[in-house]
Amino acid sequence: MSTAEVYDNIVIGAGIQGSFTAYHLVKKKQKTLLLEQFALPHTRGSSHGQTRIIRKTYDQDFYTHMMDECYKLWAQLEREASVKLYRQTGLLVMGPENSKSYCSYKSTLEKNKIPMVVLTPENFNQHITNVILADGDGAFVDTTAGVLYADRALKVVQGQFQKLGGVIKDHEKVIDIKTGQIVTVSTFAGVYQAKGLVITAGPWTNKLLAHIDLHLPLEVVKINVCYWKEKIPDSYNVKKCFPCFILTEGEEAKDHIYGLPSNEYPGLMKICYHNGSKTDPDQRDMQTGRADVDILRRYIARCFKGLIPEPSLVENCMYTFTPDHHFVLDRHPGYGNIVIGAGFSGHGFKFGPVIGKLLCELSLGEVPSYDLSPFRVSRFQSKILSSL
């Protein structure tokens, strides 16, 4: 079948970035279609799961600056929908005191005057119970940080998009994209046209970009999302104000370990390694690597004595890494009415409201609210395989 109407914009991919992009577009009175290949809600991509960390702790100022507005936009969405999406817990950051990664996190918060509490080995256990601070490690708490209720947030932003007149069509996998002043997008179920196209397809980004002469240096990995049982109930509970945490074990984010207090599964704390096994998104379940789980077992046995060092539950997620772990927020280098949001590298969910705003601005030809030079496609020029 073919649709006669031409949309102002089509957004491909109804994860958090695509859903916020569509939401911002429809708020600008754009007739917008949001396409999703799977039936909603689903657990096949990168935006599912009940919780994510929200934080201003970064080693780059531009992320910390963007997060200022993100907090405001998340709060605005809470008010619009009358739904609680965020719980403040603080973020405990630990790591070798003189390491580049730990020092840059701390320095960025200090420079930007983000409320924080610096802990010492002497007073650490007065503030943080049931955690052992390793010898030589420093620690501080970003007190503004907390937990985002991810599944709830995704559902809410999609609901607000539809409430404002937006159209979602799920279970429609895109099989072809034809460029032009009017872009034509074909799925198994229909053919749709629009003046502008935004691609926010997560791990499937390069499979879609193949239709429009572009390949980005993106690496898709399967993450084992592990939950660890408390030996004594409520030892690490969100209601007891136990914080989220990041352990900066190595100099790259891929080496970090992160955790969230027990919340979605009573008595289970979520602790994960920020890396996984390379995979094809359509073959995710065939990837069975568990080297990350072994790393976590050893860490928990050493530093979280109140947890059983064997995961009680393991779920799956996918990250799409760029070489520098920064996002891709840009127009297609050959087609100005096609915008790409990709490579969120396992830390993009919390930025959803601002990323959606920026992709909306790019799609409408507006001046972006932030300097997008760190996110340009051109930074990968030597790695892009393009037939343009």
Protein backbone atom coordinates (compact mmCIF):
# COMPACT_ATOMS: atom_id res chain seq x y z
CA MET A 1 0.00 0.00 0.00
CA SER A 2 1.10 3.61 -0.46
CA THR A 3 0.13 6.66 1.56
CA ALA A 4 -0.90 9.79 -0.29
CA GLU A 5 0.02 12.31 2.38
CA VAL A 6 3.49 13.79 2.71
CA TYR A 7 4.74 14.28 6.26
CA ASP A 8 6.92 17.18 7.30
CA ASN A 9 9.26 14.71 8.98
CA ILE A 10 9.76 10.99 9.39
CA VAL A 11 11.82 9.72 12.32
CA ILE A 12 13.14 6.15 12.07
CA GLY A 13 13.70 4.45 15.42
CA ALA A 14 11.45 4.89 18.47
CA GLY A 15 14.08 4.58 21.17
CA ILE A 16 14.57 7.49 23.57
CA GLN A 17 16.43 9.68 21.03
CA GLY A 18 13.96 9.17 18.20
CA SER A 19 10.96 9.54 20.47
CA PHE A 20 12.25 12.85 21.88
CA THR A 21 13.12 14.07 18.37
CA ALA A 22 9.59 13.32 17.20
CA TYR A 23 8.17 14.97 20.33
CA HIS A 24 10.12 18.19 19.71
CA LEU A 25 9.16 18.21 16.03
CA VAL A 26 5.45 17.87 16.74
CA LYS A 27 5.72 20.64 19.36
CA LYS A 28 6.97 22.80 16.48
CA LYS A 29 3.73 21.98 14.59
CA GLN A 30 5.48 19.54 12.25
CA LYS A 31 3.40 16.68 10.87
CA THR A 32 5.60 13.84 12.10
CA LEU A 33 5.67 10.06 11.65
CA LEU A 34 7.71 7.89 14.05
CA LEU A 35 8.59 4.47 12.62
CA GLU A 36 9.73 1.49 14.71
CA GLN A 37 10.75 -1.92 13.37
CA PHE A 38 9.61 -3.88 16.44
CA ALA A 39 6.25 -4.01 18.21
CA LEU A 40 6.28 -1.50 21.10
CA PRO A 41 7.33 -1.83 23.85
CA HIS A 42 10.29 -4.13 23.17
CA THR A 43 13.66 -5.16 24.60
CA ARG A 44 15.66 -5.50 21.39
CA GLY A 45 17.57 -2.19 21.31
CA SER A 46 19.25 0.24 23.71
CA SER A 47 16.41 2.15 25.38
CA HIS A 48 14.61 -0.54 27.39
CA GLY A 49 15.11 -1.44 31.04
CA GLN A 50 13.70 0.20 34.10
CA THR A 51 16.53 2.49 35.19
CA ARG A 52 19.43 4.65 34.00
CA ILE A 53 21.86 6.95 35.82
CA ILE A 54 21.39 10.67 35.35
CA ARG A 55 24.46 12.77 36.22
CA LYS A 56 26.43 15.92 35.52
CA THR A 57 29.71 14.09 36.21
CA TYR A 58 31.69 14.09 32.96
CA ASP A 59 35.24 14.72 31.88
CA GLN A 60 34.12 17.16 29.17
CA ASP A 61 32.54 20.51 29.95
CA PHE A 62 30.17 20.34 26.98
CA TYR A 63 28.35 17.30 28.38
CA THR A 64 28.03 18.89 31.82
CA HIS A 65 26.62 22.06 30.21
CA MET A 66 24.10 20.03 28.17
CA MET A 67 23.00 18.19 31.29
CA ASP A 68 21.92 21.46 32.93
CA GLU A 69 19.16 21.77 30.35
CA CYS A 70 18.44 18.03 30.38
CA TYR A 71 17.47 18.17 34.04
CA LYS A 72 15.10 21.05 33.29
CA LEU A 73 13.52 19.28 30.32
CA TRP A 74 13.08 16.02 32.23
CA ALA A 75 11.35 18.00 34.99
CA GLN A 76 9.17 19.73 32.39
CA LEU A 77 8.11 16.35 30.97
CA GLU A 78 7.28 15.15 34.50
CA ARG A 79 4.99 18.15 34.93
CA GLU A 80 3.36 17.73 31.52
CA ALA A 81 2.54 14.07 32.11
CA SER A 82 2.14 14.17 35.92
CA VAL A 83 4.49 11.18 36.17
CA LYS A 84 7.63 10.82 38.32
CA LEU A 85 10.65 10.07 36.10
CA TYR A 86 13.63 10.89 38.33
CA ARG A 87 14.79 10.09 41.85
CA GLN A 88 17.74 11.96 43.34
CA THR A 89 20.24 9.57 44.96
CA GLY A 90 23.61 11.17 44.29
CA LEU A 91 26.41 9.55 42.30
CA LEU A 92 29.43 8.11 44.08
CA VAL A 93 32.55 8.32 41.90
CA MET A 94 35.53 6.19 42.92
CA GLY A 95 38.86 5.61 41.24
CA PRO A 96 42.65 5.84 41.56
CA GLU A 97 43.10 9.28 43.10
CA ASN A 98 45.77 10.48 40.68
CA SER A 99 44.40 8.86 37.52
CA LYS A 100 43.48 11.03 34.54
CA SER A 101 39.89 9.78 34.39
CA TYR A 102 39.08 10.29 38.07
CA CYS A 103 40.79 13.71 38.21
CA SER A 104 39.03 14.99 35.09
CA TYR A 105 35.61 13.98 36.44
CA LYS A 106 36.31 15.81 39.67
CA SER A 107 37.80 18.83 37.93
CA THR A 108 34.79 19.28 35.62
CA LEU A 109 32.39 19.37 38.55
CA GLU A 110 34.60 21.85 40.42
CA LYS A 111 34.96 24.14 37.38
CA ASN A 112 31.23 24.13 36.75
CA LYS A 113 30.34 24.57 40.44
CA ILE A 114 28.24 21.40 40.55
CA PRO A 115 27.33 20.49 44.15
CA MET A 116 29.62 17.72 45.33
CA VAL A 117 30.98 16.15 48.50
CA VAL A 118 34.59 14.97 48.57
CA LEU A 119 35.17 11.90 50.73
CA THR A 120 38.37 10.72 52.38
CA PRO A 121 39.44 7.20 53.36
CA GLU A 122 38.86 8.27 56.97
CA ASN A 123 35.25 9.44 56.57
CA PHE A 124 34.18 7.30 53.59
CA ASN A 125 32.27 4.71 55.61
CA GLN A 126 30.49 7.37 57.62
CA HIS A 127 28.82 8.47 54.37
CA ILE A 128 28.81 5.25 52.32
CA THR A 129 28.05 1.96 54.03
CA ASN A 130 28.64 -1.57 52.74
CA VAL A 131 31.31 -0.50 50.23
CA ILE A 132 35.07 -0.93 50.58
CA LEU A 133 37.14 1.90 49.09
CA ALA A 134 40.26 0.39 47.53
CA ASP A 135 43.68 1.55 48.71
CA GLY A 136 44.80 4.56 46.69
CA ASP A 137 41.30 5.36 45.46
CA GLY A 138 39.64 8.73 45.88
CA ALA A 139 35.90 9.30 46.15
CA PHE A 140 33.38 12.09 45.76
CA VAL A 141 29.61 12.37 45.38
CA ASP A 142 27.80 14.36 42.66
CA THR A 143 24.79 15.20 44.82
CA THR A 144 22.59 16.26 41.86
CA ALA A 145 22.68 12.80 40.28
CA GLY A 146 20.15 10.01 40.54
CA VAL A 147 18.03 7.41 38.82
CA LEU A 148 15.92 7.90 35.69
CA TYR A 149 12.98 5.54 35.30
CA ALA A 150 13.78 4.57 31.73
CA ASP A 151 10.88 2.40 30.56
CA ARG A 152 8.44 4.86 32.11
CA ALA A 153 10.20 7.81 30.48
CA LEU A 154 10.10 6.22 27.03
CA LYS A 155 6.41 5.45 27.35
CA VAL A 156 5.65 8.97 28.57
CA VAL A 157 7.47 10.81 25.77
CA GLN A 158 5.82 8.60 23.14
CA GLY A 159 2.45 9.25 24.76
CA GLN A 160 3.01 13.02 24.77
CA PHE A 161 4.07 12.87 21.10
CA GLN A 162 0.82 11.12 20.19
CA LYS A 163 -1.22 13.45 22.39
CA LEU A 164 0.15 16.37 20.35
CA GLY A 165 -0.92 14.73 17.09
CA GLY A 166 2.14 12.66 16.20
CA VAL A 167 1.76 9.26 14.53
CA ILE A 168 3.64 6.12 15.64
CA LYS A 169 3.73 3.06 13.41
CA ASP A 170 5.47 0.13 15.05
CA HIS A 171 6.33 -3.32 13.68
CA GLU A 172 7.37 -1.61 10.42
CA LYS A 173 10.97 -2.41 9.49
CA VAL A 174 12.45 0.01 6.96
CA ILE A 175 13.63 -1.81 3.82
CA ASP A 176 14.49 1.12 1.56
CA ILE A 177 15.17 4.87 1.60
CA LYS A 178 15.11 7.00 -1.55
CA THR A 179 16.61 10.48 -1.37
CA GLY A 180 15.33 13.67 -2.96
CA GLN A 181 13.52 16.88 -2.04
CA ILE A 182 10.87 14.49 -0.79
CA VAL A 183 12.38 11.45 0.95
CA THR A 184 10.61 8.13 0.40
CA VAL A 185 10.80 5.49 3.11
CA SER A 186 9.57 1.96 2.41
CA THR A 187 8.71 -0.60 5.08
CA PHE A 188 7.28 -4.10 4.86
CA ALA A 189 3.85 -2.55 5.46
CA GLY A 190 3.85 0.72 3.52
CA VAL A 191 5.57 3.57 1.68
CA TYR A 192 5.85 6.97 3.37
CA GLN A 193 7.11 10.34 2.19
CA ALA A 194 8.41 13.40 3.99
CA LYS A 195 10.29 16.64 3.45
CA GLY A 196 12.82 15.62 6.09
CA LEU A 197 14.13 12.39 7.58
CA VAL A 198 15.81 11.76 10.95
CA ILE A 199 17.58 8.43 11.52
CA THR A 200 17.87 7.38 15.18
CA ALA A 201 18.14 3.63 14.69
CA GLY A 202 20.71 2.78 17.37
CA PRO A 203 22.57 -0.45 16.56
CA TRP A 204 20.84 -0.62 13.15
CA THR A 205 22.13 2.79 12.03
CA ASN A 206 24.65 1.53 9.48
CA LYS A 207 22.14 -0.93 8.03
CA LEU A 208 19.92 2.04 7.21
CA LEU A 209 22.75 4.34 6.11
CA ALA A 210 23.73 1.71 3.53
CA HIS A 211 20.63 2.79 1.59
CA ILE A 212 21.94 6.38 1.41
CA ASP A 213 25.64 5.92 0.60
CA LEU A 214 27.16 6.26 4.05
CA HIS A 215 28.93 4.04 6.57
CA LEU A 216 30.01 5.35 9.97
CA PRO A 217 32.70 3.77 12.20
CA LEU A 218 30.21 2.39 14.72
CA GLU A 219 30.82 -0.68 16.86
CA VAL A 220 27.82 -2.52 18.30
CA VAL A 221 28.35 -4.50 21.51
CA LYS A 222 26.05 -6.66 23.59
CA ILE A 223 26.03 -5.71 27.27
CA ASN A 224 25.26 -8.15 30.07
CA VAL A 225 23.07 -6.17 32.48
CA CYS A 226 23.67 -7.92 35.81
CA TYR A 227 21.69 -7.85 39.04
CA TRP A 228 23.30 -8.98 42.32
CA LYS A 229 21.43 -10.15 45.41
CA GLU A 230 21.76 -8.39 48.76
CA LYS A 231 22.81 -10.68 51.60
CA ILE A 232 20.79 -8.49 53.99
CA PRO A 233 17.64 -6.92 52.48
CA ASP A 234 17.76 -3.15 51.86
CA SER A 235 21.54 -2.86 52.29
CA TYR A 236 21.79 -1.00 48.96
CA ASN A 237 18.22 0.23 48.54
CA VAL A 238 17.21 3.37 46.63
CA LYS A 239 14.71 4.23 49.38
CA LYS A 240 17.55 4.18 51.92
CA CYS A 241 19.30 6.77 49.71
CA PHE A 242 22.09 4.46 48.59
CA PRO A 243 23.70 6.27 45.63
CA CYS A 244 24.40 5.25 42.07
CA PHE A 245 28.12 4.80 41.48
CA ILE A 246 30.88 4.79 38.86
CA LEU A 247 34.25 3.12 39.35
CA THR A 248 36.85 4.61 37.01
CA GLU A 249 39.03 1.50 36.89
CA GLY A 250 40.85 2.38 33.64
CA GLU A 251 41.49 5.50 31.59
CA GLU A 252 38.73 4.74 29.05
CA ALA A 253 35.00 4.69 29.73
CA LYS A 254 34.95 1.13 28.37
CA ASP A 255 36.89 0.06 31.46
CA HIS A 256 34.46 1.59 33.95
CA ILE A 257 32.04 -0.25 36.22
CA TYR A 258 28.74 1.36 37.17
CA GLY A 259 25.87 0.52 39.48
CA LEU A 260 22.42 1.59 40.63
CA PRO A 261 20.75 0.92 44.00
CA SER A 262 18.25 -1.91 44.34
CA ASN A 263 14.97 -0.64 42.98
CA GLU A 264 13.27 -2.37 40.05
CA TYR A 265 13.90 -5.87 41.39
CA PRO A 266 13.56 -5.94 45.20
CA GLY A 267 16.78 -7.01 46.84
CA LEU A 268 18.83 -6.90 43.63
CA MET A 269 21.43 -4.22 42.86
CA LYS A 270 22.26 -3.44 39.23
CA ILE A 271 26.04 -3.45 38.62
CA CYS A 272 27.46 -3.64 35.08
CA TYR A 273 30.68 -3.34 33.11
CA HIS A 274 30.63 -0.52 30.56
CA ASN A 275 31.64 -2.80 27.69
CA GLY A 276 30.64 -6.08 26.14
CA SER A 277 31.09 -8.39 23.17
CA LYS A 278 30.96 -7.17 19.58
CA THR A 279 27.75 -8.28 17.90
CA ASP A 280 25.41 -7.90 14.96
CA PRO A 281 22.15 -6.40 16.28
CA ASP A 282 20.10 -8.99 14.40
CA GLN A 283 22.17 -11.82 15.91
CA ARG A 284 22.41 -10.45 19.44
CA ASP A 285 21.18 -13.60 21.15
CA MET A 286 23.89 -15.67 19.47
CA GLN A 287 26.57 -13.64 21.27
CA THR A 288 27.31 -15.41 24.56
CA GLY A 289 30.53 -13.73 25.78
CA ARG A 290 30.69 -13.28 29.58
CA ALA A 291 34.18 -11.97 30.27
CA ASP A 292 32.55 -8.87 31.73
CA VAL A 293 30.64 -10.95 34.28
CA ASP A 294 33.92 -12.45 35.52
CA ILE A 295 35.35 -8.94 36.02
CA LEU A 296 32.25 -7.96 37.99
CA ARG A 297 32.35 -11.08 40.17
CA ARG A 298 35.88 -10.26 41.27
CA TYR A 299 35.06 -6.61 41.93
CA ILE A 300 31.93 -7.36 43.96
CA ALA A 301 33.70 -9.99 46.06
CA ARG A 302 36.40 -7.43 46.83
CA CYS A 303 34.38 -4.24 47.44
CA PHE A 304 30.67 -5.05 47.91
CA LYS A 305 30.72 -7.53 50.78
CA GLY A 306 26.95 -7.18 51.23
CA LEU A 307 26.23 -8.72 47.80
CA ILE A 308 26.41 -12.34 46.70
CA PRO A 309 29.19 -12.31 44.04
CA GLU A 310 27.18 -14.26 41.49
CA PRO A 311 24.54 -12.54 39.34
CA SER A 312 20.97 -13.52 40.19
CA LEU A 313 19.67 -12.13 36.91
CA VAL A 314 21.31 -11.17 33.62
CA GLU A 315 19.46 -9.12 31.00
CA ASN A 316 20.76 -7.83 27.67
CA CYS A 317 21.21 -4.43 26.09
CA MET A 318 23.27 -3.05 23.22
CA TYR A 319 25.62 -0.08 23.04
CA THR A 320 26.68 1.55 19.79
CA PHE A 321 30.18 2.97 20.28
CA THR A 322 31.90 5.63 18.21
CA PRO A 323 35.73 5.58 18.27
CA ASP A 324 35.84 8.61 20.62
CA HIS A 325 32.63 7.72 22.54
CA HIS A 326 31.03 11.03 21.52
CA PHE A 327 27.66 11.14 19.78
CA VAL A 328 26.90 11.68 16.11
CA LEU A 329 24.48 14.60 15.71
CA ASP A 330 24.68 15.89 12.15
CA ARG A 331 23.18 16.14 8.71
CA HIS A 332 24.07 13.54 6.10
CA PRO A 333 27.13 14.92 4.23
CA GLY A 334 25.38 14.53 0.88
CA TYR A 335 21.70 15.04 1.66
CA GLY A 336 20.81 18.12 3.69
CA ASN A 337 17.28 16.98 4.54
CA ILE A 338 18.51 13.79 6.24
CA VAL A 339 19.71 14.07 9.86
CA ILE A 340 21.54 11.39 11.83
CA GLY A 341 21.58 10.78 15.59
CA ALA A 342 23.80 7.82 16.47
CA GLY A 343 26.69 6.39 18.46
CA PHE A 344 25.39 7.13 21.94
CA SER A 345 28.06 4.83 23.37
CA GLY A 346 26.15 3.67 26.43
CA HIS A 347 25.74 7.13 27.98
CA GLY A 348 23.13 8.84 25.81
CA PHE A 349 19.80 8.03 27.47
CA LYS A 350 19.94 10.85 30.03
CA PHE A 351 20.56 13.35 27.18
CA GLY A 352 17.37 12.34 25.35
CA PRO A 353 15.46 15.63 25.81
CA VAL A 354 18.36 17.78 24.53
CA ILE A 355 19.44 15.37 21.78
CA GLY A 356 15.86 15.34 20.52
CA LYS A 357 15.83 19.14 20.58
CA LEU A 358 19.12 19.34 18.65
CA LEU A 359 18.06 16.81 16.00
CA CYS A 360 14.80 18.74 15.62
CA GLU A 361 16.76 21.98 15.13
CA LEU A 362 19.02 20.36 12.52
CA SER A 363 16.01 18.95 10.70
CA LEU A 364 14.30 22.35 10.58
CA GLY A 365 17.45 24.23 9.52
CA GLU A 366 17.61 26.17 12.78
CA VAL A 367 20.79 27.26 14.51
CA PRO A 368 21.60 24.46 17.01
CA SER A 369 21.33 25.35 20.69
CA TYR A 370 24.84 23.96 21.34
CA ASP A 371 28.15 23.77 19.54
CA LEU A 372 27.91 20.52 17.58
CA SER A 373 31.54 20.35 16.48
CA PRO A 374 32.30 17.40 18.84
CA PHE A 375 29.47 15.47 17.18
CA ARG A 376 30.08 16.08 13.47
CA VAL A 377 30.34 13.23 10.97
CA SER A 378 33.41 14.95 9.46
CA ARG A 379 35.59 13.99 12.45
CA PHE A 380 35.58 10.44 11.08
CA GLN A 381 36.54 11.49 7.56
CA SER A 382 39.44 9.04 7.29
CA LYS A 383 37.24 6.19 8.56
CA ILE A 384 34.04 6.84 6.61
CA LEU A 385 33.43 4.42 3.79
CA SER A 386 31.25 6.46 1.46
CA SER A 387 30.38 6.20 -2.18
CA LEU A 388 29.29 9.81 -2.37
